[in-house]
PDB file of N, CA and C in Angstrom:
ATOM      1  N   MET A   1       4.250 -22.488 -44.712  1.00  0.00           N
ATOM      2  CA  MET A   1       4.976 -22.547 -43.031  1.00  0.00           C
ATOM      3  C   MET A   1       4.443 -21.580 -42.428  1.00  0.00           C
ATOM      4  N   LYS A   2       5.099 -20.503 -43.087  1.00  0.00           N
ATOM      5  CA  LYS A   2       4.464 -18.905 -42.052  1.00  0.00           C
ATOM      6  C   LYS A   2       3.066 -18.831 -41.644  1.00  0.00           C
ATOM      7  N   LYS A   3       2.266 -19.885 -43.012  1.00  0.00           N
ATOM      8  CA  LYS A   3       0.349 -19.669 -42.974  1.00  0.00           C
ATOM      9  C   LYS A   3       0.407 -20.182 -41.401  1.00  0.00           C
ATOM     10  N   THR A   4       1.217 -21.466 -41.245  1.00  0.00           N
ATOM     11  CA  THR A   4       0.654 -22.348 -40.348  1.00  0.00           C
ATOM     12  C   THR A   4       0.679 -22.009 -39.072  1.00  0.00           C
ATOM     13  N   PHE A   5       2.369 -21.088 -38.629  1.00  0.00           N
ATOM     14  CA  PHE A   5       2.740 -19.817 -37.563  1.00  0.00           C
ATOM     15  C   PHE A   5       2.040 -18.974 -37.253  1.00  0.00           C
ATOM     16  N   LEU A   6       0.707 -18.510 -38.407  1.00  0.00           N
ATOM     17  CA  LEU A   6      -0.046 -17.166 -38.369  1.00  0.00           C
ATOM     18  C   LEU A   6      -0.992 -18.095 -37.544  1.00  0.00           C
ATOM     19  N   VAL A   7      -1.568 -18.480 -38.037  1.00  0.00           N
ATOM     20  CA  VAL A   7      -2.723 -19.380 -37.528  1.00  0.00           C
ATOM     21  C   VAL A   7      -2.596 -20.001 -35.890  1.00  0.00           C
ATOM     22  N   THR A   8      -1.188 -20.746 -35.563  1.00  0.00           N
ATOM     23  CA  THR A   8      -0.842 -20.864 -34.200  1.00  0.00           C
ATOM     24  C   THR A   8      -1.371 -19.790 -33.343  1.00  0.00           C
ATOM     25  N   LEU A   9      -0.756 -18.798 -33.662  1.00  0.00           N
ATOM     26  CA  LEU A   9       0.145 -17.923 -33.262  1.00  0.00           C
ATOM     27  C   LEU A   9      -1.914 -17.173 -32.896  1.00  0.00           C
ATOM     28  N   ALA A  10      -2.305 -17.415 -33.864  1.00  0.00           N
ATOM     29  CA  ALA A  10      -3.932 -16.551 -33.672  1.00  0.00           C
ATOM     30  C   ALA A  10      -4.499 -17.410 -32.129  1.00  0.00           C
ATOM     31  N   LEU A  11      -4.714 -18.308 -32.893  1.00  0.00           N
ATOM     32  CA  LEU A  11      -5.219 -19.412 -31.744  1.00  0.00           C
ATOM     33  C   LEU A  11      -4.780 -19.395 -30.663  1.00  0.00           C
ATOM     34  N   MET A  12      -3.671 -18.834 -29.925  1.00  0.00           N
ATOM     35  CA  MET A  12      -2.777 -19.191 -28.657  1.00  0.00           C
ATOM     36  C   MET A  12      -3.114 -17.675 -28.414  1.00  0.00           C
ATOM     37  N   VAL A  13      -3.439 -16.524 -28.721  1.00  0.00           N
ATOM     38  CA  VAL A  13      -3.919 -15.354 -28.623  1.00  0.00           C
ATOM     39  C   VAL A  13      -5.493 -15.294 -27.936  1.00  0.00           C
ATOM     40  N   PHE A  14      -5.955 -15.819 -28.598  1.00  0.00           N
ATOM     41  CA  PHE A  14      -7.647 -16.200 -28.615  1.00  0.00           C
ATOM     42  C   PHE A  14      -7.700 -16.999 -27.369  1.00  0.00           C
ATOM     43  N   GLY A  15      -6.416 -17.994 -27.020  1.00  0.00           N
ATOM     44  CA  GLY A  15      -7.021 -19.344 -25.346  1.00  0.00           C
ATOM     45  C   GLY A  15      -6.072 -18.687 -24.712  1.00  0.00           C
ATOM     46  N   MET A  16      -5.497 -17.258 -24.954  1.00  0.00           N
ATOM     47  CA  MET A  16      -5.352 -17.063 -23.361  1.00  0.00           C
ATOM     48  C   MET A  16      -5.969 -15.750 -23.265  1.00  0.00           C
ATOM     49  N   THR A  17      -6.871 -15.278 -24.281  1.00  0.00           N
ATOM     50  CA  THR A  17      -7.731 -13.980 -24.145  1.00  0.00           C
ATOM     51  C   THR A  17      -8.815 -14.817 -23.247  1.00  0.00           C
ATOM     52  N   THR A  18      -9.403 -16.174 -23.562  1.00  0.00           N
ATOM     53  CA  THR A  18     -10.615 -16.468 -23.093  1.00  0.00           C
ATOM     54  C   THR A  18     -10.542 -17.160 -22.103  1.00  0.00           C
ATOM     55  N   MET A  19      -9.471 -17.743 -21.191  1.00  0.00           N
ATOM     56  CA  MET A  19      -8.661 -17.862 -19.825  1.00  0.00           C
ATOM     57  C   MET A  19      -8.664 -16.767 -19.142  1.00  0.00           C
ATOM     58  N   SER A  20      -8.287 -15.953 -18.939  1.00  0.00           N
ATOM     59  CA  SER A  20      -8.044 -14.653 -18.263  1.00  0.00           C
ATOM     60  C   SER A  20      -9.286 -14.758 -18.163  1.00  0.00           C
ATOM     61  N   GLN A  21      -9.781 -14.327 -18.825  1.00  0.00           N
ATOM     62  CA  GLN A  21     -11.547 -13.851 -19.161  1.00  0.00           C
ATOM     63  C   GLN A  21     -12.494 -14.513 -18.314  1.00  0.00           C
ATOM     64  N   ALA A  22     -12.523 -16.165 -18.386  1.00  0.00           N
ATOM     65  CA  ALA A  22     -13.350 -16.859 -17.651  1.00  0.00           C
ATOM     66  C   ALA A  22     -12.096 -16.874 -15.873  1.00  0.00           C
ATOM     67  N   ALA A  23     -10.939 -17.268 -15.889  1.00  0.00           N
ATOM     68  CA  ALA A  23     -10.618 -16.902 -14.545  1.00  0.00           C
ATOM     69  C   ALA A  23     -10.819 -15.823 -13.865  1.00  0.00           C
ATOM     70  N   SER A  24     -11.337 -14.540 -14.221  1.00  0.00           N
ATOM     71  CA  SER A  24     -12.130 -13.010 -13.343  1.00  0.00           C
ATOM     72  C   SER A  24     -13.360 -13.124 -13.111  1.00  0.00           C
ATOM     73  N   GLN A  25     -14.163 -14.405 -13.991  1.00  0.00           N
ATOM     74  CA  GLN A  25     -15.725 -14.399 -13.179  1.00  0.00           C
ATOM     75  C   GLN A  25     -15.640 -15.243 -12.372  1.00  0.00           C
ATOM     76  N   PRO A  26     -16.991 -14.182 -11.327  1.00  0.00           N
ATOM     77  CA  PRO A  26     -16.803 -15.486  -9.965  1.00  0.00           C
ATOM     78  C   PRO A  26     -17.074 -16.688  -9.992  1.00  0.00           C
ATOM     79  N   ARG A  27     -16.585 -17.635  -9.416  1.00  0.00           N
ATOM     80  CA  ARG A  27     -17.054 -19.289  -9.218  1.00  0.00           C
ATOM     81  C   ARG A  27     -18.889 -18.695  -9.124  1.00  0.00           C
ATOM     82  N   LYS A  28     -19.794 -19.654  -9.808  1.00  0.00           N
ATOM     83  CA  LYS A  28     -20.990 -19.909  -9.931  1.00  0.00           C
ATOM     84  C   LYS A  28     -21.336 -21.658  -8.680  1.00  0.00           C
ATOM     85  N   PRO A  29     -21.741 -22.257  -7.769  1.00  0.00           N
ATOM     86  CA  PRO A  29     -22.414 -23.335  -7.984  1.00  0.00           C
ATOM     87  C   PRO A  29     -22.864 -24.457  -9.347  1.00  0.00           C
ATOM     88  N   ALA A  30     -22.274 -25.190  -9.654  1.00  0.00           N
ATOM     89  CA  ALA A  30     -22.862 -25.974 -11.104  1.00  0.00           C
ATOM     90  C   ALA A  30     -24.386 -26.168 -11.002  1.00  0.00           C
ATOM     91  N   ALA A  31     -24.958 -26.199  -9.094  1.00  0.00           N
ATOM     92  CA  ALA A  31     -26.438 -27.252  -9.502  1.00  0.00           C
ATOM     93  C   ALA A  31     -26.938 -25.486  -8.479  1.00  0.00           C
ATOM     94  N   ALA A  32     -28.475 -25.759  -7.873  1.00  0.00           N
ATOM     95  CA  ALA A  32     -28.731 -24.397  -7.948  1.00  0.00           C
ATOM     96  C   ALA A  32     -28.217 -23.946  -6.645  1.00  0.00           C
ATOM     97  N   GLU A  33     -27.673 -25.244  -5.780  1.00  0.00           N
ATOM     98  CA  GLU A  33     -27.329 -24.724  -4.220  1.00  0.00           C
ATOM     99  C   GLU A  33     -25.782 -25.470  -3.827  1.00  0.00           C
ATOM    100  N   GLU A  34     -25.062 -24.706  -3.504  1.00  0.00           N
ATOM    101  CA  GLU A  34     -24.091 -24.984  -3.378  1.00  0.00           C
ATOM    102  C   GLU A  34     -23.538 -26.221  -2.717  1.00  0.00           C
ATOM    103  N   GLN A  35     -23.234 -27.334  -3.134  1.00  0.00           N
ATOM    104  CA  GLN A  35     -22.600 -27.890  -2.075  1.00  0.00           C
ATOM    105  C   GLN A  35     -22.350 -28.261  -0.821  1.00  0.00           C
ATOM    106  N   ARG A  36     -22.312 -28.940   0.134  1.00  0.00           N
ATOM    107  CA  ARG A  36     -21.409 -28.836   1.621  1.00  0.00           C
ATOM    108  C   ARG A  36     -20.907 -29.669   1.466  1.00  0.00           C
ATOM    109  N   THR A  37     -20.762 -29.206   2.816  1.00  0.00           N
ATOM    110  CA  THR A  37     -19.387 -30.115   3.413  1.00  0.00           C
ATOM    111  C   THR A  37     -19.430 -29.856   5.164  1.00  0.00           C
ATOM    112  N   THR A  38     -19.629 -31.026   6.245  1.00  0.00           N
ATOM    113  CA  THR A  38     -19.294 -30.759   7.285  1.00  0.00           C
ATOM    114  C   THR A  38     -18.091 -30.937   8.182  1.00  0.00           C
ATOM    115  N   ILE A  39     -17.352 -30.766   8.996  1.00  0.00           N
ATOM    116  CA  ILE A  39     -16.475 -31.568   9.149  1.00  0.00           C
ATOM    117  C   ILE A  39     -16.386 -31.050  11.002  1.00  0.00           C
ATOM    118  N   THR A  40     -15.138 -32.011  11.879  1.00  0.00           N
ATOM    119  CA  THR A  40     -15.537 -31.839  13.080  1.00  0.00           C
ATOM    120  C   THR A  40     -14.010 -31.955  13.713  1.00  0.00           C
ATOM    121  N   ASP A  41     -13.429 -30.385  14.108  1.00  0.00           N
ATOM    122  CA  ASP A  41     -12.589 -30.315  14.442  1.00  0.00           C
ATOM    123  C   ASP A  41     -11.838 -29.173  14.891  1.00  0.00           C
ATOM    124  N   THR A  42     -10.637 -29.082  15.844  1.00  0.00           N
ATOM    125  CA  THR A  42     -10.837 -27.788  16.869  1.00  0.00           C
ATOM    126  C   THR A  42     -10.273 -26.286  16.255  1.00  0.00           C
ATOM    127  N   VAL A  43     -10.024 -25.835  16.424  1.00  0.00           N
ATOM    128  CA  VAL A  43      -9.424 -24.448  15.723  1.00  0.00           C
ATOM    129  C   VAL A  43      -8.226 -23.979  15.894  1.00  0.00           C
ATOM    130  N   LYS A  44      -7.742 -24.491  15.317  1.00  0.00           N
ATOM    131  CA  LYS A  44      -5.379 -24.151  14.830  1.00  0.00           C
ATOM    132  C   LYS A  44      -5.171 -22.750  15.382  1.00  0.00           C
ATOM    133  N   LYS A  45      -6.345 -21.377  14.295  1.00  0.00           N
ATOM    134  CA  LYS A  45      -5.474 -20.142  14.071  1.00  0.00           C
ATOM    135  C   LYS A  45      -6.742 -19.316  13.796  1.00  0.00           C
ATOM    136  N   LEU A  46      -7.341 -18.141  14.093  1.00  0.00           N
ATOM    137  CA  LEU A  46      -7.798 -16.914  14.042  1.00  0.00           C
ATOM    138  C   LEU A  46      -7.682 -16.082  12.837  1.00  0.00           C
ATOM    139  N   ARG A  47      -7.714 -15.451  12.238  1.00  0.00           N
ATOM    140  CA  ARG A  47      -6.868 -14.670  11.687  1.00  0.00           C
ATOM    141  C   ARG A  47      -7.578 -13.614  10.851  1.00  0.00           C
ATOM    142  N   ASP A  48      -7.854 -12.182  11.179  1.00  0.00           N
ATOM    143  CA  ASP A  48      -9.434 -11.249  11.203  1.00  0.00           C
ATOM    144  C   ASP A  48      -8.781 -10.413   9.579  1.00  0.00           C
ATOM    145  N   ASP A  49      -9.289  -9.945   8.619  1.00  0.00           N
ATOM    146  CA  ASP A  49      -8.964  -9.299   8.126  1.00  0.00           C
ATOM    147  C   ASP A  49     -10.451  -8.447   7.398  1.00  0.00           C
ATOM    148  N   ASP A  50     -10.437  -7.429   6.366  1.00  0.00           N
ATOM    149  CA  ASP A  50     -11.717  -6.650   5.619  1.00  0.00           C
ATOM    150  C   ASP A  50     -12.689  -7.474   5.705  1.00  0.00           C
ATOM    151  N   ASP A  51     -12.891  -8.481   5.632  1.00  0.00           N
ATOM    152  CA  ASP A  51     -14.055  -9.433   4.889  1.00  0.00           C
ATOM    153  C   ASP A  51     -14.741 -10.269   5.811  1.00  0.00           C
ATOM    154  N   GLY A  52     -13.473 -10.833   7.022  1.00  0.00           N
ATOM    155  CA  GLY A  52     -14.369 -11.854   8.103  1.00  0.00           C
ATOM    156  C   GLY A  52     -12.838 -12.869   8.235  1.00  0.00           C
ATOM    157  N   ILE A  53     -12.876 -13.532   8.337  1.00  0.00           N
ATOM    158  CA  ILE A  53     -11.937 -14.513   9.402  1.00  0.00           C
ATOM    159  C   ILE A  53     -11.356 -15.450   8.312  1.00  0.00           C
ATOM    160  N   VAL A  54     -10.139 -16.013   8.262  1.00  0.00           N
ATOM    161  CA  VAL A  54      -9.675 -17.343   8.021  1.00  0.00           C
ATOM    162  C   VAL A  54      -9.616 -17.798   9.310  1.00  0.00           C
ATOM    163  N   VAL A  55      -9.848 -19.437   9.201  1.00  0.00           N
ATOM    164  CA  VAL A  55      -9.984 -20.180  10.647  1.00  0.00           C
ATOM    165  C   VAL A  55      -9.084 -21.295   9.341  1.00  0.00           C
ATOM    166  N   LEU A  56      -8.220 -21.546  10.718  1.00  0.00           N
ATOM    167  CA  LEU A  56      -7.495 -23.224  10.305  1.00  0.00           C
ATOM    168  C   LEU A  56      -7.695 -24.098  11.406  1.00  0.00           C
ATOM    169  N   PHE A  57      -7.659 -25.216  11.404  1.00  0.00           N
ATOM    170  CA  PHE A  57      -8.018 -26.167  12.042  1.00  0.00           C
ATOM    171  C   PHE A  57      -6.559 -27.067  12.344  1.00  0.00           C
ATOM    172  N   MET A  58      -6.814 -27.697  13.574  1.00  0.00           N
ATOM    173  CA  MET A  58      -6.153 -29.033  13.609  1.00  0.00           C
ATOM    174  C   MET A  58      -5.076 -29.933  12.771  1.00  0.00           C
ATOM    175  N   LYS A  59      -7.074 -30.886  12.616  1.00  0.00           N
ATOM    176  CA  LYS A  59      -6.476 -32.283  11.844  1.00  0.00           C
ATOM    177  C   LYS A  59      -6.675 -31.329   9.988  1.00  0.00           C
ATOM    178  N   GLU A  60      -7.462 -30.463   9.393  1.00  0.00           N
ATOM    179  CA  GLU A  60      -8.139 -30.489   8.277  1.00  0.00           C
ATOM    180  C   GLU A  60      -6.918 -29.887   7.516  1.00  0.00           C
ATOM    181  N   LYS A  61      -7.090 -30.187   6.477  1.00  0.00           N
ATOM    182  CA  LYS A  61      -5.684 -29.623   5.325  1.00  0.00           C
ATOM    183  C   LYS A  61      -6.466 -27.774   4.720  1.00  0.00           C
ATOM    184  N   GLY A  62      -5.954 -27.075   4.902  1.00  0.00           N
ATOM    185  CA  GLY A  62      -6.510 -25.525   4.241  1.00  0.00           C
ATOM    186  C   GLY A  62      -6.976 -24.774   5.382  1.00  0.00           C
ATOM    187  N   SER A  63      -7.929 -23.540   4.453  1.00  0.00           N
ATOM    188  CA  SER A  63      -7.754 -22.650   5.244  1.00  0.00           C
ATOM    189  C   SER A  63      -9.156 -21.978   5.004  1.00  0.00           C
ATOM    190  N   TYR A  64     -10.081 -22.045   5.984  1.00  0.00           N
ATOM    191  CA  TYR A  64     -11.781 -21.795   5.639  1.00  0.00           C
ATOM    192  C   TYR A  64     -11.962 -20.556   5.776  1.00  0.00           C
ATOM    193  N   TYR A  65     -13.039 -20.030   5.716  1.00  0.00           N
ATOM    194  CA  TYR A  65     -13.119 -18.506   5.990  1.00  0.00           C
ATOM    195  C   TYR A  65     -14.548 -18.642   6.437  1.00  0.00           C
ATOM    196  N   LEU A  66     -14.685 -17.548   7.633  1.00  0.00           N
ATOM    197  CA  LEU A  66     -16.122 -16.636   7.732  1.00  0.00           C
ATOM    198  C   LEU A  66     -16.388 -15.319   7.916  1.00  0.00           C
ATOM    199  N   ARG A  67     -17.451 -15.442   5.987  1.00  0.00           N
ATOM    200  CA  ARG A  67     -17.496 -14.106   6.136  1.00  0.00           C
ATOM    201  C   ARG A  67     -18.293 -13.308   6.560  1.00  0.00           C
ATOM    202  N   ARG A  68     -18.180 -12.370   7.099  1.00  0.00           N
ATOM    203  CA  ARG A  68     -19.185 -10.996   7.334  1.00  0.00           C
ATOM    204  C   ARG A  68     -20.603 -10.708   7.243  1.00  0.00           C
ATOM    205  N   ASP A  69     -20.877 -11.109   6.314  1.00  0.00           N
ATOM    206  CA  ASP A  69     -22.127 -11.135   5.625  1.00  0.00           C
ATOM    207  C   ASP A  69     -22.893 -12.710   5.925  1.00  0.00           C
ATOM    208  N   VAL A  70     -21.907 -12.970   7.110  1.00  0.00           N
ATOM    209  CA  VAL A  70     -23.369 -14.441   7.065  1.00  0.00           C
ATOM    210  C   VAL A  70     -24.370 -13.978   7.911  1.00  0.00           C
ATOM    211  N   ALA A  71     -24.896 -14.765   8.020  1.00  0.00           N
ATOM    212  CA  ALA A  71     -26.409 -14.407   9.496  1.00  0.00           C
ATOM    213  C   ALA A  71     -25.877 -15.198  10.104  1.00  0.00           C
ATOM    214  N   GLU A  72     -25.636 -14.784  11.916  1.00  0.00           N
ATOM    215  CA  GLU A  72     -25.368 -15.205  13.328  1.00  0.00           C
ATOM    216  C   GLU A  72     -23.635 -15.329  12.647  1.00  0.00           C
ATOM    217  N   PHE A  73     -23.189 -14.319  12.594  1.00  0.00           N
ATOM    218  CA  PHE A  73     -21.561 -13.764  12.087  1.00  0.00           C
ATOM    219  C   PHE A  73     -21.228 -13.958  13.578  1.00  0.00           C
ATOM    220  N   ASP A  74     -21.683 -13.301  14.587  1.00  0.00           N
ATOM    221  CA  ASP A  74     -21.181 -13.058  16.371  1.00  0.00           C
ATOM    222  C   ASP A  74     -21.079 -14.074  16.693  1.00  0.00           C
ATOM    223  N   GLY A  75     -22.573 -14.647  16.571  1.00  0.00           N
ATOM    224  CA  GLY A  75     -22.364 -16.143  17.208  1.00  0.00           C
ATOM    225  C   GLY A  75     -21.429 -16.923  17.422  1.00  0.00           C
ATOM    226  N   ILE A  76     -20.908 -17.405  15.138  1.00  0.00           N
ATOM    227  CA  ILE A  76     -20.713 -18.223  14.807  1.00  0.00           C
ATOM    228  C   ILE A  76     -18.541 -17.919  15.120  1.00  0.00           C
ATOM    229  N   ARG A  77     -18.433 -16.208  15.336  1.00  0.00           N
ATOM    230  CA  ARG A  77     -17.013 -16.154  15.651  1.00  0.00           C
ATOM    231  C   ARG A  77     -16.902 -16.601  17.450  1.00  0.00           C
ATOM    232  N   LYS A  78     -18.202 -16.787  18.189  1.00  0.00           N
ATOM    233  CA  LYS A  78     -17.869 -16.528  19.574  1.00  0.00           C
ATOM    234  C   LYS A  78     -17.467 -18.202  19.512  1.00  0.00           C
ATOM    235  N   LYS A  79     -18.034 -19.343  18.577  1.00  0.00           N
ATOM    236  CA  LYS A  79     -17.594 -20.502  18.745  1.00  0.00           C
ATOM    237  C   LYS A  79     -16.330 -20.994  18.361  1.00  0.00           C
ATOM    238  N   LEU A  80     -15.985 -20.086  17.641  1.00  0.00           N
ATOM    239  CA  LEU A  80     -14.764 -20.436  17.088  1.00  0.00           C
ATOM    240  C   LEU A  80     -13.664 -20.270  17.742  1.00  0.00           C
ATOM    241  N   GLU A  81     -14.358 -18.828  18.692  1.00  0.00           N
ATOM    242  CA  GLU A  81     -12.856 -18.759  20.156  1.00  0.00           C
ATOM    243  C   GLU A  81     -13.005 -19.230  20.545  1.00  0.00           C
ATOM    244  N   THR A  82     -14.128 -20.055  20.901  1.00  0.00           N
ATOM    245  CA  THR A  82     -13.745 -21.062  21.979  1.00  0.00           C
ATOM    246  C   THR A  82     -13.135 -22.244  22.083  1.00  0.00           C
ATOM    247  N   SER A  83     -13.674 -22.590  20.564  1.00  0.00           N
ATOM    248  CA  SER A  83     -13.343 -23.539  20.074  1.00  0.00           C
ATOM    249  C   SER A  83     -11.511 -23.728  20.171  1.00  0.00           C
ATOM    250  N   LEU A  84     -10.695 -22.687  20.075  1.00  0.00           N
ATOM    251  CA  LEU A  84      -9.446 -22.266  20.215  1.00  0.00           C
ATOM    252  C   LEU A  84      -9.084 -22.335  21.462  1.00  0.00           C
ATOM    253  N   LYS A  85     -10.120 -21.477  22.472  1.00  0.00           N
ATOM    254  CA  LYS A  85      -9.239 -21.095  23.779  1.00  0.00           C
ATOM    255  C   LYS A  85      -9.229 -22.601  24.905  1.00  0.00           C
ATOM    256  N   GLU A  86     -10.376 -23.220  24.660  1.00  0.00           N
ATOM    257  CA  GLU A  86     -10.249 -24.064  25.126  1.00  0.00           C
ATOM    258  C   GLU A  86      -9.448 -25.572  24.475  1.00  0.00           C
ATOM    259  N   LYS A  87      -9.761 -25.270  23.393  1.00  0.00           N
ATOM    260  CA  LYS A  87      -8.804 -26.735  22.243  1.00  0.00           C
ATOM    261  C   LYS A  87     -10.011 -28.050  22.611  1.00  0.00           C
ATOM    262  N   LYS A  88     -11.537 -27.596  22.457  1.00  0.00           N
ATOM    263  CA  LYS A  88     -12.305 -28.066  21.580  1.00  0.00           C
ATOM    264  C   LYS A  88     -12.972 -28.687  20.391  1.00  0.00           C
ATOM    265  N   PRO A  89     -13.383 -29.277  20.342  1.00  0.00           N
ATOM    266  CA  PRO A  89     -13.373 -29.222  18.617  1.00  0.00           C
ATOM    267  C   PRO A  89     -15.216 -29.110  18.428  1.00  0.00           C
ATOM    268  N   VAL A  90     -15.499 -28.742  16.859  1.00  0.00           N
ATOM    269  CA  VAL A  90     -16.234 -27.773  16.306  1.00  0.00           C
ATOM    270  C   VAL A  90     -16.796 -28.302  15.807  1.00  0.00           C
ATOM    271  N   SER A  91     -18.572 -28.962  15.077  1.00  0.00           N
ATOM    272  CA  SER A  91     -18.813 -29.386  14.106  1.00  0.00           C
ATOM    273  C   SER A  91     -19.012 -28.250  13.302  1.00  0.00           C
ATOM    274  N   VAL A  92     -18.221 -27.971  11.688  1.00  0.00           N
ATOM    275  CA  VAL A  92     -18.332 -26.874  11.155  1.00  0.00           C
ATOM    276  C   VAL A  92     -19.083 -27.466   9.834  1.00  0.00           C
ATOM    277  N   THR A  93     -19.893 -26.906   9.175  1.00  0.00           N
ATOM    278  CA  THR A  93     -20.496 -26.869   7.833  1.00  0.00           C
ATOM    279  C   THR A  93     -20.158 -25.591   6.774  1.00  0.00           C
ATOM    280  N   ALA A  94     -19.725 -26.231   5.778  1.00  0.00           N
ATOM    281  CA  ALA A  94     -19.343 -24.985   4.878  1.00  0.00           C
ATOM    282  C   ALA A  94     -19.651 -25.144   3.226  1.00  0.00           C
ATOM    283  N   GLU A  95     -19.359 -24.318   2.480  1.00  0.00           N
ATOM    284  CA  GLU A  95     -19.374 -24.371   1.427  1.00  0.00           C
ATOM    285  C   GLU A  95     -18.141 -25.709   0.737  1.00  0.00           C
ATOM    286  N   ALA A  96     -18.645 -26.494  -0.292  1.00  0.00           N
ATOM    287  CA  ALA A  96     -17.631 -27.659  -0.257  1.00  0.00           C
ATOM    288  C   ALA A  96     -16.349 -27.352  -1.315  1.00  0.00           C
ATOM    289  N   THR A  97     -16.715 -25.912  -2.251  1.00  0.00           N
ATOM    290  CA  THR A  97     -16.019 -25.909  -3.070  1.00  0.00           C
ATOM    291  C   THR A  97     -14.931 -24.580  -2.133  1.00  0.00           C
ATOM    292  N   GLN A  98     -15.752 -23.738  -1.934  1.00  0.00           N
ATOM    293  CA  GLN A  98     -14.662 -22.367  -1.515  1.00  0.00           C
ATOM    294  C   GLN A  98     -14.368 -22.283   0.141  1.00  0.00           C
ATOM    295  N   LEU A  99     -15.546 -23.333   1.049  1.00  0.00           N
ATOM    296  CA  LEU A  99     -14.650 -23.488   2.266  1.00  0.00           C
ATOM    297  C   LEU A  99     -14.875 -22.450   2.588  1.00  0.00           C
ATOM    298  N   ASN A 100     -16.144 -21.551   2.443  1.00  0.00           N
ATOM    299  CA  ASN A 100     -17.248 -20.662   3.156  1.00  0.00           C
ATOM    300  C   ASN A 100     -17.696 -21.182   4.508  1.00  0.00           C
ATOM    301  N   ILE A 101     -17.546 -20.539   5.258  1.00  0.00           N
ATOM    302  CA  ILE A 101     -18.518 -21.466   6.532  1.00  0.00           C
ATOM    303  C   ILE A 101     -19.772 -20.718   7.025  1.00  0.00           C
ATOM    304  N   LEU A 102     -20.582 -22.123   7.028  1.00  0.00           N
ATOM    305  CA  LEU A 102     -22.044 -21.741   7.050  1.00  0.00           C
ATOM    306  C   LEU A 102     -22.970 -21.607   8.316  1.00  0.00           C
ATOM    307  N   GLU A 103     -22.311 -22.903   9.021  1.00  0.00           N
ATOM    308  CA  GLU A 103     -23.200 -23.036  10.679  1.00  0.00           C
ATOM    309  C   GLU A 103     -21.674 -23.994  11.514  1.00  0.00           C
ATOM    310  N   VAL A 104     -22.050 -23.477  12.654  1.00  0.00           N
ATOM    311  CA  VAL A 104     -20.710 -23.999  13.537  1.00  0.00           C
ATOM    312  C   VAL A 104     -21.558 -24.835  14.589  1.00  0.00           C
ATOM    313  N   LYS A 105     -21.551 -25.844  14.827  1.00  0.00           N
ATOM    314  CA  LYS A 105     -22.033 -26.150  16.328  1.00  0.00           C
ATOM    315  C   LYS A 105     -21.221 -26.597  17.599  1.00  0.00           C
TER     316      LYS A 105
END
Protein backbone atom coordinates (compact mmCIF):
# COMPACT_ATOMS: atom_id res chain seq x y z
CA MET A 1 0.00 0.00 0.00
CA LYS A 2 2.76 2.42 0.99
CA LYS A 3 4.74 1.50 -2.14
CA THR A 4 1.70 2.17 -4.36
CA PHE A 5 1.19 5.55 -2.72
CA LEU A 6 4.83 6.54 -3.30
CA VAL A 7 4.72 5.48 -6.96
CA THR A 8 1.47 7.41 -7.48
CA LEU A 9 2.92 10.48 -5.78
CA ALA A 10 6.10 10.30 -7.89
CA LEU A 11 4.05 10.05 -11.10
CA MET A 12 1.90 13.04 -10.09
CA VAL A 13 4.96 15.20 -9.35
CA PHE A 14 6.57 14.17 -12.63
CA GLY A 15 3.36 14.94 -14.55
CA MET A 16 2.93 18.37 -12.95
CA THR A 17 6.57 19.27 -13.68
CA THR A 18 6.26 18.18 -17.31
CA MET A 19 2.98 20.11 -17.77
CA SER A 20 4.39 23.32 -16.30
CA GLN A 21 7.46 23.11 -18.55
CA ALA A 22 5.27 22.55 -21.62
CA ALA A 23 3.02 25.47 -20.69
CA SER A 24 5.99 27.81 -20.39
CA GLN A 25 7.25 27.05 -23.91
CA PRO A 26 6.10 29.36 -26.73
CA ARG A 27 3.62 27.85 -29.13
CA LYS A 28 5.02 26.79 -32.47
CA PRO A 29 2.90 26.20 -35.56
CA ALA A 30 2.30 22.55 -36.37
CA ALA A 31 3.15 23.09 -40.02
CA ALA A 32 5.94 25.12 -41.56
CA GLU A 33 3.52 28.02 -42.04
CA GLU A 34 0.92 29.14 -39.51
CA GLN A 35 -2.67 28.47 -40.51
CA ARG A 36 -4.54 31.66 -41.36
CA THR A 37 -8.12 32.77 -41.08
CA THR A 38 -9.91 35.68 -42.75
CA ILE A 39 -12.93 37.47 -41.36
CA THR A 40 -15.00 40.46 -42.45
CA ASP A 41 -16.33 42.51 -39.56
CA THR A 42 -16.56 46.02 -38.10
CA VAL A 43 -14.19 47.12 -35.35
CA LYS A 44 -15.95 47.54 -32.00
CA LYS A 45 -13.01 48.62 -29.82
CA LEU A 46 -9.25 49.27 -30.01
CA ARG A 47 -7.02 49.19 -26.94
CA ASP A 48 -3.29 50.01 -27.01
CA ASP A 49 -0.76 48.17 -24.88
CA ASP A 50 3.04 48.04 -24.82
CA ASP A 51 3.38 45.46 -27.61
CA GLY A 52 0.51 46.38 -29.91
CA ILE A 53 -3.25 46.84 -30.12
CA VAL A 54 -6.05 44.62 -28.86
CA VAL A 55 -8.90 44.61 -31.40
CA LEU A 56 -12.51 43.62 -30.68
CA PHE A 57 -15.06 43.17 -33.46
CA MET A 58 -18.85 43.52 -33.54
CA LYS A 59 -19.68 39.91 -34.57
CA GLU A 60 -16.50 37.91 -33.97
CA LYS A 61 -15.96 36.32 -30.57
CA GLY A 62 -12.65 36.82 -28.79
CA SER A 63 -9.99 39.45 -29.22
CA TYR A 64 -7.57 39.85 -32.07
CA TYR A 65 -4.12 41.40 -31.71
CA LEU A 66 -2.06 43.70 -33.92
CA ARG A 67 1.60 43.43 -32.93
CA ARG A 68 3.83 46.48 -33.35
CA ASP A 69 6.47 44.43 -35.17
CA VAL A 70 4.10 43.56 -38.05
CA ALA A 71 5.07 45.04 -41.40
CA GLU A 72 2.78 47.97 -42.29
CA PHE A 73 1.70 48.40 -38.63
CA ASP A 74 0.77 52.08 -39.12
CA GLY A 75 -1.26 51.40 -42.26
CA ILE A 76 -3.13 48.51 -40.67
CA ARG A 77 -3.81 50.61 -37.58
CA LYS A 78 -5.32 53.41 -39.72
CA LYS A 79 -7.63 50.94 -41.48
CA LEU A 80 -8.82 49.57 -38.12
CA GLU A 81 -9.38 53.10 -36.76
CA THR A 82 -11.35 54.02 -39.89
CA SER A 83 -13.54 50.93 -39.46
CA LEU A 84 -14.19 51.94 -35.85
CA LYS A 85 -15.02 55.58 -36.63
CA GLU A 86 -17.08 55.01 -39.77
CA LYS A 87 -18.62 51.73 -38.57
CA LYS A 88 -17.62 50.01 -41.82
CA PRO A 89 -16.43 46.41 -42.10
CA VAL A 90 -12.87 45.44 -42.98
CA SER A 91 -11.40 42.15 -44.16
CA VAL A 92 -8.86 40.88 -41.62
CA THR A 93 -6.37 38.05 -42.12
CA ALA A 94 -4.94 36.64 -38.89
CA GLU A 95 -3.11 33.63 -37.52
CA ALA A 96 -5.82 31.02 -36.90
CA THR A 97 -4.67 29.90 -33.46
CA GLN A 98 -3.40 33.07 -31.77
CA LEU A 99 -5.46 35.61 -33.76
CA ASN A 100 -2.50 37.89 -34.45
CA ILE A 101 -3.52 40.24 -37.27
CA LEU A 102 -1.37 39.96 -40.39
CA GLU A 103 -3.29 42.03 -42.95
CA VAL A 104 -6.33 44.33 -43.21
CA LYS A 105 -8.15 45.34 -46.41
